[in-house]
Amino acid sequence: MIFFELFYTFFLIGAFTFGGGYAMLPLIQAEVERKGWLPSEQIVNFIAVSESTPGPFAINIATYVGNQMGMKEFGSVFAGIIGAVCATLGVVLPSFIIILIVAKCYEAFKSSTAVKGAMSGLKPAAIGLIGAAVYNIGTTVFFPNDFTTNVFTGAPFYISLALFAVMAFLTFKIKLHPIIIICISAVVGIAAGFLLELPV
């Protein structure tokens, strides 16, 4: 049944990912695509939406996927809500359980060599997962139809690249607030879509 599958899939993702929502992204993308739940373009679009909406990143994506699959399977809003709840519970529950255990046992094990070693090993793994997420999203945004020289001749590529460069400059050099960056990006994206009729 789709509800159990949603819960189980996101429970495994939540249980075996360290490093937060961005580190979960490659696993979420791989599982969702492998099961044929959503196409990669739709996942990337919702990544942009989940970044600009309140709430933790991974929870937003899990809720969205659960909602879409519930509605796709049964064709009702109620099924979509149940799917969203199952996926969200699945992704949240492992962290909740692990944090309870860590909070209970941390004082006893914080000076342990094994615990320190595990934390040292997990940091680069989390960075690697985040790097994989950046690569997957970047290739989908800049090279949606696979990497060919044709992508360098179209307006969408150059507009995406220019917008990326400008927003990176405003973020790192000007230190503009992220909310302002999100608002500017949304306005520019909407304007470009209407004026140039860019594909979504």
N, C-alpha and C. Protein backbone atom coordinates (compact mmCIF):
# COMPACT_ATOMS: atom_id res chain seq x y z
N MET A 1 0.85 -1.20 0.00
CA MET A 1 0.00 0.00 0.00
C MET A 1 0.89 1.25 0.00
N ILE A 2 0.44 2.25 -0.73
CA ILE A 2 1.27 3.44 -0.95
C ILE A 2 1.57 4.17 0.36
N PHE A 3 0.64 4.20 1.31
CA PHE A 3 0.87 4.94 2.56
C PHE A 3 1.99 4.30 3.38
N PHE A 4 1.97 2.98 3.46
CA PHE A 4 3.05 2.29 4.18
C PHE A 4 4.37 2.46 3.45
N GLU A 5 4.33 2.39 2.11
CA GLU A 5 5.56 2.54 1.33
C GLU A 5 6.16 3.94 1.51
N LEU A 6 5.30 4.96 1.56
CA LEU A 6 5.76 6.33 1.81
C LEU A 6 6.43 6.44 3.18
N PHE A 7 5.74 5.90 4.18
CA PHE A 7 6.28 5.95 5.54
C PHE A 7 7.62 5.21 5.62
N TYR A 8 7.65 4.00 5.08
CA TYR A 8 8.85 3.16 5.17
C TYR A 8 10.03 3.78 4.42
N THR A 9 9.77 4.29 3.22
CA THR A 9 10.84 4.90 2.41
C THR A 9 11.43 6.11 3.10
N PHE A 10 10.58 6.99 3.60
CA PHE A 10 11.09 8.20 4.24
C PHE A 10 11.65 7.91 5.63
N PHE A 11 11.18 6.85 6.27
CA PHE A 11 11.77 6.44 7.55
C PHE A 11 13.22 6.01 7.34
N LEU A 12 13.46 5.22 6.30
CA LEU A 12 14.82 4.78 6.00
C LEU A 12 15.72 5.96 5.65
N ILE A 13 15.18 6.91 4.86
CA ILE A 13 15.95 8.09 4.49
C ILE A 13 16.31 8.89 5.74
N GLY A 14 15.32 9.08 6.62
CA GLY A 14 15.55 9.83 7.86
C GLY A 14 16.51 9.13 8.80
N ALA A 15 16.50 7.80 8.78
CA ALA A 15 17.32 7.03 9.72
C ALA A 15 18.78 6.95 9.29
N PHE A 16 19.04 7.00 7.98
CA PHE A 16 20.41 6.76 7.50
C PHE A 16 21.04 7.98 6.86
N THR A 17 20.50 9.17 7.13
CA THR A 17 21.09 10.39 6.59
C THR A 17 21.55 11.27 7.74
N PHE A 18 22.79 11.71 7.67
CA PHE A 18 23.34 12.63 8.65
C PHE A 18 23.72 13.92 7.92
N GLY A 19 23.43 15.05 8.54
CA GLY A 19 23.82 16.32 7.93
C GLY A 19 22.66 17.21 7.54
N GLY A 20 21.44 16.83 7.91
CA GLY A 20 20.29 17.71 7.66
C GLY A 20 19.62 17.46 6.32
N GLY A 21 18.71 18.39 5.99
CA GLY A 21 17.87 18.25 4.80
C GLY A 21 18.63 18.16 3.50
N TYR A 22 19.69 18.96 3.35
CA TYR A 22 20.46 18.95 2.11
C TYR A 22 21.16 17.62 1.91
N ALA A 23 21.62 17.01 3.00
CA ALA A 23 22.26 15.71 2.90
C ALA A 23 21.24 14.63 2.54
N MET A 24 19.98 14.84 2.90
CA MET A 24 18.92 13.89 2.56
C MET A 24 18.53 13.96 1.09
N LEU A 25 18.78 15.11 0.47
CA LEU A 25 18.27 15.35 -0.87
C LEU A 25 18.68 14.31 -1.90
N PRO A 26 19.97 13.88 -1.97
CA PRO A 26 20.31 12.85 -2.96
C PRO A 26 19.54 11.55 -2.75
N LEU A 27 19.33 11.17 -1.48
CA LEU A 27 18.58 9.94 -1.20
C LEU A 27 17.12 10.09 -1.58
N ILE A 28 16.53 11.24 -1.24
CA ILE A 28 15.13 11.48 -1.59
C ILE A 28 14.95 11.45 -3.10
N GLN A 29 15.84 12.16 -3.80
CA GLN A 29 15.75 12.23 -5.26
C GLN A 29 15.91 10.85 -5.88
N ALA A 30 16.88 10.09 -5.40
CA ALA A 30 17.13 8.75 -5.95
C ALA A 30 15.94 7.82 -5.72
N GLU A 31 15.39 7.82 -4.50
CA GLU A 31 14.27 6.94 -4.18
C GLU A 31 13.00 7.32 -4.93
N VAL A 32 12.73 8.62 -4.98
CA VAL A 32 11.51 9.08 -5.65
C VAL A 32 11.57 8.77 -7.14
N GLU A 33 12.74 8.97 -7.76
CA GLU A 33 12.88 8.67 -9.18
C GLU A 33 12.88 7.17 -9.42
N ARG A 34 13.54 6.41 -8.55
CA ARG A 34 13.59 4.95 -8.72
C ARG A 34 12.22 4.31 -8.65
N LYS A 35 11.39 4.83 -7.77
CA LYS A 35 10.04 4.29 -7.63
C LYS A 35 9.06 4.88 -8.65
N GLY A 36 9.53 5.85 -9.43
CA GLY A 36 8.67 6.45 -10.45
C GLY A 36 7.57 7.34 -9.90
N TRP A 37 7.80 7.89 -8.71
CA TRP A 37 6.78 8.73 -8.09
C TRP A 37 6.68 10.09 -8.75
N LEU A 38 7.84 10.75 -8.96
CA LEU A 38 7.85 12.08 -9.56
C LEU A 38 9.04 12.19 -10.51
N PRO A 39 8.91 12.97 -11.60
CA PRO A 39 10.07 13.20 -12.46
C PRO A 39 11.05 14.16 -11.80
N SER A 40 12.31 14.12 -12.24
CA SER A 40 13.36 14.93 -11.61
C SER A 40 13.07 16.42 -11.74
N GLU A 41 12.45 16.84 -12.87
CA GLU A 41 12.15 18.27 -13.04
C GLU A 41 11.18 18.76 -11.99
N GLN A 42 10.19 17.92 -11.67
CA GLN A 42 9.21 18.30 -10.65
C GLN A 42 9.85 18.37 -9.27
N ILE A 43 10.78 17.48 -8.98
CA ILE A 43 11.49 17.50 -7.70
C ILE A 43 12.30 18.78 -7.58
N VAL A 44 13.02 19.15 -8.65
CA VAL A 44 13.84 20.36 -8.61
C VAL A 44 12.96 21.59 -8.43
N ASN A 45 11.82 21.63 -9.11
CA ASN A 45 10.91 22.76 -8.94
C ASN A 45 10.44 22.87 -7.49
N PHE A 46 10.15 21.73 -6.88
CA PHE A 46 9.67 21.82 -5.50
C PHE A 46 10.79 22.13 -4.52
N ILE A 47 12.02 21.79 -4.89
CA ILE A 47 13.16 22.19 -4.05
C ILE A 47 13.19 23.71 -3.93
N ALA A 48 12.97 24.37 -5.07
CA ALA A 48 12.94 25.85 -5.07
C ALA A 48 11.80 26.36 -4.20
N VAL A 49 10.64 25.70 -4.29
CA VAL A 49 9.48 26.12 -3.49
C VAL A 49 9.74 25.89 -2.01
N SER A 50 10.31 24.72 -1.67
CA SER A 50 10.53 24.40 -0.26
C SER A 50 11.58 25.28 0.38
N GLU A 51 12.51 25.80 -0.44
CA GLU A 51 13.51 26.73 0.07
C GLU A 51 12.90 28.08 0.43
N SER A 52 11.82 28.44 -0.26
CA SER A 52 11.23 29.77 -0.05
C SER A 52 9.98 29.71 0.82
N THR A 53 9.68 28.56 1.41
CA THR A 53 8.53 28.44 2.30
C THR A 53 9.02 28.09 3.71
N PRO A 54 8.23 28.43 4.72
CA PRO A 54 8.66 28.14 6.11
C PRO A 54 8.76 26.65 6.37
N GLY A 55 9.60 26.30 7.30
CA GLY A 55 9.71 24.91 7.72
C GLY A 55 10.99 24.25 7.24
N PRO A 56 11.36 23.14 7.89
CA PRO A 56 12.57 22.42 7.50
C PRO A 56 12.47 21.88 6.08
N PHE A 57 13.58 21.92 5.40
CA PHE A 57 13.66 21.57 3.98
C PHE A 57 13.19 20.14 3.70
N ALA A 58 13.75 19.16 4.42
CA ALA A 58 13.44 17.75 4.18
C ALA A 58 11.97 17.45 4.48
N ILE A 59 11.43 18.08 5.52
CA ILE A 59 10.03 17.86 5.87
C ILE A 59 9.12 18.39 4.77
N ASN A 60 9.45 19.58 4.23
CA ASN A 60 8.65 20.14 3.14
C ASN A 60 8.60 19.20 1.94
N ILE A 61 9.75 18.65 1.58
CA ILE A 61 9.80 17.76 0.42
C ILE A 61 9.04 16.46 0.71
N ALA A 62 9.23 15.90 1.89
CA ALA A 62 8.52 14.66 2.24
C ALA A 62 7.01 14.88 2.22
N THR A 63 6.57 15.99 2.76
CA THR A 63 5.14 16.32 2.78
C THR A 63 4.60 16.44 1.36
N TYR A 64 5.35 17.12 0.51
CA TYR A 64 4.93 17.31 -0.88
C TYR A 64 4.82 15.99 -1.62
N VAL A 65 5.88 15.16 -1.52
CA VAL A 65 5.87 13.87 -2.22
C VAL A 65 4.72 13.00 -1.72
N GLY A 66 4.54 12.95 -0.40
CA GLY A 66 3.43 12.17 0.17
C GLY A 66 2.08 12.64 -0.32
N ASN A 67 1.90 13.96 -0.36
CA ASN A 67 0.64 14.52 -0.84
C ASN A 67 0.39 14.17 -2.30
N GLN A 68 1.42 14.33 -3.12
CA GLN A 68 1.27 14.04 -4.55
C GLN A 68 0.95 12.57 -4.80
N MET A 69 1.63 11.69 -4.06
CA MET A 69 1.41 10.26 -4.28
C MET A 69 0.06 9.80 -3.76
N GLY A 70 -0.39 10.36 -2.62
CA GLY A 70 -1.71 10.02 -2.11
C GLY A 70 -2.80 10.42 -3.08
N MET A 71 -2.68 11.64 -3.63
CA MET A 71 -3.68 12.12 -4.59
C MET A 71 -3.59 11.35 -5.91
N LYS A 72 -2.37 11.02 -6.33
CA LYS A 72 -2.19 10.28 -7.59
C LYS A 72 -2.78 8.88 -7.50
N GLU A 73 -2.61 8.26 -6.32
CA GLU A 73 -3.06 6.87 -6.15
C GLU A 73 -4.57 6.77 -5.99
N PHE A 74 -5.17 7.70 -5.22
CA PHE A 74 -6.59 7.58 -4.89
C PHE A 74 -7.45 8.72 -5.44
N GLY A 75 -6.80 9.78 -5.92
CA GLY A 75 -7.55 10.86 -6.57
C GLY A 75 -8.39 11.71 -5.65
N SER A 76 -8.02 11.81 -4.38
CA SER A 76 -8.79 12.65 -3.46
C SER A 76 -7.86 13.47 -2.59
N VAL A 77 -8.35 14.61 -2.14
CA VAL A 77 -7.57 15.50 -1.28
C VAL A 77 -7.29 14.81 0.05
N PHE A 78 -8.26 14.05 0.57
CA PHE A 78 -8.08 13.36 1.84
C PHE A 78 -6.93 12.35 1.77
N ALA A 79 -6.86 11.61 0.65
CA ALA A 79 -5.76 10.66 0.46
C ALA A 79 -4.43 11.39 0.37
N GLY A 80 -4.44 12.57 -0.24
CA GLY A 80 -3.23 13.38 -0.31
C GLY A 80 -2.75 13.80 1.06
N ILE A 81 -3.70 14.15 1.94
CA ILE A 81 -3.35 14.55 3.31
C ILE A 81 -2.76 13.36 4.08
N ILE A 82 -3.37 12.19 3.92
CA ILE A 82 -2.86 10.99 4.60
C ILE A 82 -1.45 10.66 4.09
N GLY A 83 -1.25 10.75 2.77
CA GLY A 83 0.07 10.50 2.20
C GLY A 83 1.10 11.47 2.74
N ALA A 84 0.72 12.74 2.86
CA ALA A 84 1.63 13.77 3.38
C ALA A 84 2.00 13.47 4.83
N VAL A 85 1.01 13.06 5.63
CA VAL A 85 1.26 12.74 7.04
C VAL A 85 2.19 11.53 7.17
N CYS A 86 1.95 10.50 6.36
CA CYS A 86 2.78 9.29 6.42
C CYS A 86 4.23 9.58 6.06
N ALA A 87 4.44 10.32 4.97
CA ALA A 87 5.81 10.64 4.55
C ALA A 87 6.50 11.55 5.57
N THR A 88 5.76 12.52 6.09
CA THR A 88 6.34 13.46 7.06
C THR A 88 6.71 12.74 8.35
N LEU A 89 5.82 11.89 8.85
CA LEU A 89 6.12 11.11 10.05
C LEU A 89 7.33 10.22 9.82
N GLY A 90 7.40 9.62 8.63
CA GLY A 90 8.52 8.73 8.31
C GLY A 90 9.85 9.44 8.37
N VAL A 91 9.93 10.66 7.83
CA VAL A 91 11.21 11.36 7.78
C VAL A 91 11.58 11.98 9.13
N VAL A 92 10.58 12.28 9.96
CA VAL A 92 10.83 12.95 11.25
C VAL A 92 11.11 11.95 12.37
N LEU A 93 10.44 10.83 12.36
CA LEU A 93 10.49 9.89 13.48
C LEU A 93 11.90 9.40 13.82
N PRO A 94 12.74 9.01 12.85
CA PRO A 94 14.09 8.55 13.21
C PRO A 94 14.89 9.61 13.96
N SER A 95 14.85 10.85 13.47
CA SER A 95 15.59 11.92 14.15
C SER A 95 15.07 12.14 15.56
N PHE A 96 13.77 12.10 15.72
CA PHE A 96 13.15 12.28 17.02
C PHE A 96 13.62 11.21 18.00
N ILE A 97 13.61 9.96 17.55
CA ILE A 97 14.03 8.84 18.41
C ILE A 97 15.52 8.94 18.74
N ILE A 98 16.34 9.24 17.70
CA ILE A 98 17.79 9.31 17.90
C ILE A 98 18.16 10.45 18.84
N ILE A 99 17.50 11.61 18.69
CA ILE A 99 17.80 12.76 19.56
C ILE A 99 17.43 12.44 21.00
N LEU A 100 16.33 11.75 21.22
CA LEU A 100 15.95 11.34 22.58
C LEU A 100 17.02 10.45 23.20
N ILE A 101 17.52 9.50 22.40
CA ILE A 101 18.55 8.59 22.91
C ILE A 101 19.85 9.34 23.18
N VAL A 102 20.23 10.22 22.23
CA VAL A 102 21.47 11.00 22.39
C VAL A 102 21.39 11.89 23.62
N ALA A 103 20.25 12.58 23.79
CA ALA A 103 20.09 13.47 24.94
C ALA A 103 20.20 12.70 26.25
N LYS A 104 19.71 11.48 26.24
CA LYS A 104 19.74 10.66 27.45
C LYS A 104 21.16 10.16 27.75
N CYS A 105 21.91 9.84 26.68
CA CYS A 105 23.20 9.18 26.88
C CYS A 105 24.41 10.07 26.63
N TYR A 106 24.20 11.32 26.19
CA TYR A 106 25.32 12.15 25.74
C TYR A 106 26.35 12.38 26.85
N GLU A 107 25.90 12.70 28.03
CA GLU A 107 26.83 12.99 29.13
C GLU A 107 27.74 11.80 29.41
N ALA A 108 27.20 10.61 29.28
CA ALA A 108 27.98 9.42 29.59
C ALA A 108 29.01 9.11 28.50
N PHE A 109 28.72 9.50 27.24
CA PHE A 109 29.57 9.09 26.12
C PHE A 109 30.31 10.23 25.43
N LYS A 110 30.13 11.49 25.89
CA LYS A 110 30.70 12.62 25.14
C LYS A 110 32.23 12.60 25.10
N SER A 111 32.86 11.98 26.08
CA SER A 111 34.33 11.90 26.07
C SER A 111 34.84 10.59 25.46
N SER A 112 33.94 9.78 24.95
CA SER A 112 34.33 8.49 24.37
C SER A 112 35.10 8.68 23.06
N THR A 113 36.18 7.94 22.89
CA THR A 113 36.97 8.00 21.66
C THR A 113 36.16 7.51 20.47
N ALA A 114 35.33 6.49 20.68
CA ALA A 114 34.51 5.95 19.59
C ALA A 114 33.49 6.98 19.10
N VAL A 115 32.87 7.69 20.04
CA VAL A 115 31.88 8.70 19.67
C VAL A 115 32.55 9.85 18.92
N LYS A 116 33.71 10.31 19.41
CA LYS A 116 34.44 11.38 18.73
C LYS A 116 34.86 10.94 17.32
N GLY A 117 35.29 9.68 17.21
CA GLY A 117 35.68 9.16 15.90
C GLY A 117 34.51 9.09 14.93
N ALA A 118 33.36 8.66 15.47
CA ALA A 118 32.16 8.58 14.62
C ALA A 118 31.76 9.96 14.12
N MET A 119 31.80 10.96 15.00
CA MET A 119 31.45 12.32 14.60
C MET A 119 32.43 12.86 13.56
N SER A 120 33.72 12.55 13.72
CA SER A 120 34.73 12.98 12.75
C SER A 120 34.49 12.34 11.39
N GLY A 121 34.05 11.10 11.38
CA GLY A 121 33.77 10.41 10.12
C GLY A 121 32.49 10.88 9.45
N LEU A 122 31.51 11.28 10.25
CA LEU A 122 30.23 11.70 9.69
C LEU A 122 30.29 13.07 9.03
N LYS A 123 31.17 13.95 9.52
CA LYS A 123 31.23 15.31 8.95
C LYS A 123 31.56 15.32 7.47
N PRO A 124 32.66 14.66 7.03
CA PRO A 124 32.93 14.66 5.58
C PRO A 124 31.88 13.92 4.77
N ALA A 125 31.26 12.89 5.35
CA ALA A 125 30.20 12.17 4.64
C ALA A 125 29.01 13.09 4.39
N ALA A 126 28.65 13.91 5.39
CA ALA A 126 27.55 14.85 5.23
C ALA A 126 27.87 15.89 4.16
N ILE A 127 29.12 16.37 4.16
CA ILE A 127 29.54 17.35 3.14
C ILE A 127 29.47 16.71 1.75
N GLY A 128 29.87 15.46 1.64
CA GLY A 128 29.79 14.76 0.35
C GLY A 128 28.37 14.63 -0.15
N LEU A 129 27.44 14.32 0.76
CA LEU A 129 26.03 14.21 0.36
C LEU A 129 25.48 15.56 -0.08
N ILE A 130 25.85 16.63 0.62
CA ILE A 130 25.40 17.96 0.23
C ILE A 130 25.99 18.33 -1.14
N GLY A 131 27.26 17.97 -1.36
CA GLY A 131 27.88 18.21 -2.67
C GLY A 131 27.16 17.46 -3.78
N ALA A 132 26.75 16.22 -3.50
CA ALA A 132 25.99 15.45 -4.50
C ALA A 132 24.66 16.12 -4.81
N ALA A 133 24.02 16.68 -3.78
CA ALA A 133 22.75 17.40 -3.99
C ALA A 133 22.97 18.61 -4.88
N VAL A 134 24.05 19.37 -4.61
CA VAL A 134 24.38 20.55 -5.44
C VAL A 134 24.60 20.12 -6.89
N TYR A 135 25.33 19.04 -7.09
CA TYR A 135 25.61 18.56 -8.46
C TYR A 135 24.32 18.15 -9.16
N ASN A 136 23.47 17.37 -8.48
CA ASN A 136 22.22 16.89 -9.10
C ASN A 136 21.30 18.04 -9.48
N ILE A 137 21.13 18.99 -8.55
CA ILE A 137 20.26 20.13 -8.82
C ILE A 137 20.85 20.99 -9.93
N GLY A 138 22.17 21.23 -9.84
CA GLY A 138 22.83 22.07 -10.85
C GLY A 138 22.71 21.51 -12.26
N THR A 139 22.91 20.21 -12.41
CA THR A 139 22.81 19.63 -13.75
C THR A 139 21.37 19.66 -14.27
N THR A 140 20.39 19.50 -13.36
CA THR A 140 18.99 19.54 -13.79
C THR A 140 18.59 20.95 -14.19
N VAL A 141 19.10 21.97 -13.46
CA VAL A 141 18.75 23.35 -13.77
C VAL A 141 19.47 23.86 -15.01
N PHE A 142 20.80 23.64 -15.08
CA PHE A 142 21.58 24.20 -16.18
C PHE A 142 21.59 23.30 -17.42
N PHE A 143 21.47 21.99 -17.21
CA PHE A 143 21.50 21.06 -18.35
C PHE A 143 20.30 20.11 -18.30
N PRO A 144 19.07 20.63 -18.46
CA PRO A 144 17.87 19.79 -18.30
C PRO A 144 17.74 18.68 -19.32
N ASN A 145 18.34 18.86 -20.50
CA ASN A 145 18.25 17.84 -21.56
C ASN A 145 19.59 17.16 -21.79
N ASP A 146 20.30 16.87 -20.72
CA ASP A 146 21.64 16.28 -20.76
C ASP A 146 22.66 17.30 -21.26
N PHE A 147 23.91 16.98 -20.99
CA PHE A 147 24.98 17.93 -21.33
C PHE A 147 25.33 17.84 -22.81
N THR A 148 25.02 18.90 -23.56
CA THR A 148 25.44 19.03 -24.96
C THR A 148 25.88 20.48 -25.16
N THR A 149 26.58 20.72 -26.25
CA THR A 149 27.03 22.09 -26.53
C THR A 149 25.85 23.00 -26.85
N ASN A 150 24.71 22.44 -27.20
CA ASN A 150 23.53 23.25 -27.53
C ASN A 150 23.03 24.05 -26.34
N VAL A 151 23.30 23.57 -25.13
CA VAL A 151 22.78 24.30 -23.95
C VAL A 151 23.41 25.68 -23.82
N PHE A 152 24.60 25.86 -24.40
CA PHE A 152 25.28 27.15 -24.29
C PHE A 152 24.76 28.18 -25.29
N THR A 153 23.85 27.76 -26.16
CA THR A 153 23.33 28.68 -27.17
C THR A 153 21.95 29.22 -26.81
N GLY A 154 21.32 28.68 -25.78
CA GLY A 154 19.97 29.10 -25.44
C GLY A 154 19.93 30.15 -24.34
N ALA A 155 18.89 30.96 -24.39
CA ALA A 155 18.72 32.01 -23.38
C ALA A 155 18.54 31.45 -21.97
N PRO A 156 17.79 30.34 -21.78
CA PRO A 156 17.58 29.85 -20.40
C PRO A 156 18.88 29.58 -19.65
N PHE A 157 19.88 29.01 -20.33
CA PHE A 157 21.14 28.71 -19.66
C PHE A 157 21.82 29.98 -19.18
N TYR A 158 21.91 30.97 -20.05
CA TYR A 158 22.63 32.19 -19.69
C TYR A 158 21.88 33.01 -18.64
N ILE A 159 20.56 33.00 -18.72
CA ILE A 159 19.78 33.71 -17.70
C ILE A 159 19.94 33.03 -16.35
N SER A 160 19.89 31.68 -16.33
CA SER A 160 20.09 30.94 -15.08
C SER A 160 21.48 31.19 -14.51
N LEU A 161 22.48 31.17 -15.38
CA LEU A 161 23.86 31.38 -14.94
C LEU A 161 24.07 32.80 -14.41
N ALA A 162 23.51 33.78 -15.13
CA ALA A 162 23.65 35.18 -14.70
C ALA A 162 22.93 35.41 -13.36
N LEU A 163 21.74 34.85 -13.23
CA LEU A 163 20.98 35.00 -11.98
C LEU A 163 21.72 34.35 -10.82
N PHE A 164 22.28 33.17 -11.07
CA PHE A 164 23.07 32.48 -10.05
C PHE A 164 24.26 33.34 -9.60
N ALA A 165 24.99 33.91 -10.58
CA ALA A 165 26.17 34.72 -10.27
C ALA A 165 25.80 35.98 -9.49
N VAL A 166 24.73 36.65 -9.91
CA VAL A 166 24.30 37.87 -9.24
C VAL A 166 23.86 37.57 -7.81
N MET A 167 23.07 36.51 -7.63
CA MET A 167 22.58 36.18 -6.28
C MET A 167 23.72 35.72 -5.38
N ALA A 168 24.70 35.01 -5.94
CA ALA A 168 25.87 34.62 -5.15
C ALA A 168 26.65 35.85 -4.71
N PHE A 169 26.80 36.80 -5.61
CA PHE A 169 27.51 38.05 -5.27
C PHE A 169 26.77 38.81 -4.18
N LEU A 170 25.45 38.95 -4.33
CA LEU A 170 24.66 39.68 -3.34
C LEU A 170 24.69 38.99 -1.98
N THR A 171 24.77 37.65 -2.00
CA THR A 171 24.77 36.89 -0.74
C THR A 171 26.12 36.97 -0.04
N PHE A 172 27.20 36.73 -0.77
CA PHE A 172 28.52 36.60 -0.13
C PHE A 172 29.26 37.92 0.01
N LYS A 173 29.10 38.83 -0.94
CA LYS A 173 29.84 40.08 -0.91
C LYS A 173 29.04 41.22 -0.29
N ILE A 174 27.82 41.39 -0.74
CA ILE A 174 26.98 42.50 -0.23
C ILE A 174 26.34 42.11 1.10
N LYS A 175 26.26 40.80 1.39
CA LYS A 175 25.65 40.27 2.62
C LYS A 175 24.16 40.63 2.71
N LEU A 176 23.50 40.56 1.57
CA LEU A 176 22.06 40.84 1.53
C LEU A 176 21.32 39.72 2.27
N HIS A 177 20.23 40.07 2.93
CA HIS A 177 19.47 39.10 3.70
C HIS A 177 18.87 38.03 2.77
N PRO A 178 18.89 36.75 3.18
CA PRO A 178 18.37 35.67 2.32
C PRO A 178 16.91 35.87 1.88
N ILE A 179 16.09 36.47 2.73
CA ILE A 179 14.69 36.70 2.35
C ILE A 179 14.62 37.64 1.16
N ILE A 180 15.46 38.67 1.16
CA ILE A 180 15.49 39.61 0.03
C ILE A 180 15.98 38.89 -1.23
N ILE A 181 16.98 38.02 -1.08
CA ILE A 181 17.49 37.25 -2.22
C ILE A 181 16.37 36.39 -2.82
N ILE A 182 15.62 35.72 -1.96
CA ILE A 182 14.52 34.86 -2.42
C ILE A 182 13.48 35.68 -3.16
N CYS A 183 13.11 36.83 -2.61
CA CYS A 183 12.10 37.69 -3.25
C CYS A 183 12.57 38.20 -4.60
N ILE A 184 13.83 38.66 -4.67
CA ILE A 184 14.38 39.15 -5.95
C ILE A 184 14.40 38.02 -6.98
N SER A 185 14.85 36.83 -6.57
CA SER A 185 14.91 35.69 -7.49
C SER A 185 13.53 35.33 -8.01
N ALA A 186 12.54 35.34 -7.14
CA ALA A 186 11.18 35.01 -7.55
C ALA A 186 10.66 36.02 -8.58
N VAL A 187 10.88 37.31 -8.31
CA VAL A 187 10.40 38.35 -9.24
C VAL A 187 11.10 38.23 -10.59
N VAL A 188 12.43 38.04 -10.58
CA VAL A 188 13.18 37.91 -11.83
C VAL A 188 12.74 36.66 -12.59
N GLY A 189 12.55 35.56 -11.88
CA GLY A 189 12.10 34.32 -12.53
C GLY A 189 10.73 34.45 -13.16
N ILE A 190 9.81 35.09 -12.46
CA ILE A 190 8.46 35.29 -13.00
C ILE A 190 8.52 36.20 -14.23
N ALA A 191 9.29 37.29 -14.13
CA ALA A 191 9.41 38.22 -15.25
C ALA A 191 10.03 37.53 -16.46
N ALA A 192 11.10 36.75 -16.24
CA ALA A 192 11.74 36.05 -17.35
C ALA A 192 10.80 35.03 -17.98
N GLY A 193 10.02 34.36 -17.16
CA GLY A 193 9.06 33.38 -17.69
C GLY A 193 8.01 34.01 -18.56
N PHE A 194 7.51 35.18 -18.16
CA PHE A 194 6.49 35.85 -18.95
C PHE A 194 7.07 36.52 -20.20
N LEU A 195 8.21 37.20 -20.03
CA LEU A 195 8.77 37.97 -21.15
C LEU A 195 9.42 37.09 -22.21
N LEU A 196 10.12 36.04 -21.76
CA LEU A 196 10.85 35.21 -22.69
C LEU A 196 10.18 33.86 -22.95
N GLU A 197 9.10 33.59 -22.22
CA GLU A 197 8.37 32.32 -22.34
C GLU A 197 9.31 31.14 -22.16
N LEU A 198 10.07 31.21 -21.04
CA LEU A 198 11.02 30.14 -20.74
C LEU A 198 10.28 28.91 -20.24
N PRO A 199 10.80 27.72 -20.51
CA PRO A 199 10.16 26.52 -19.95
C PRO A 199 10.33 26.45 -18.47
N VAL A 200 9.35 25.88 -17.79
CA VAL A 200 9.41 25.75 -16.33
C VAL A 200 10.32 24.61 -15.97
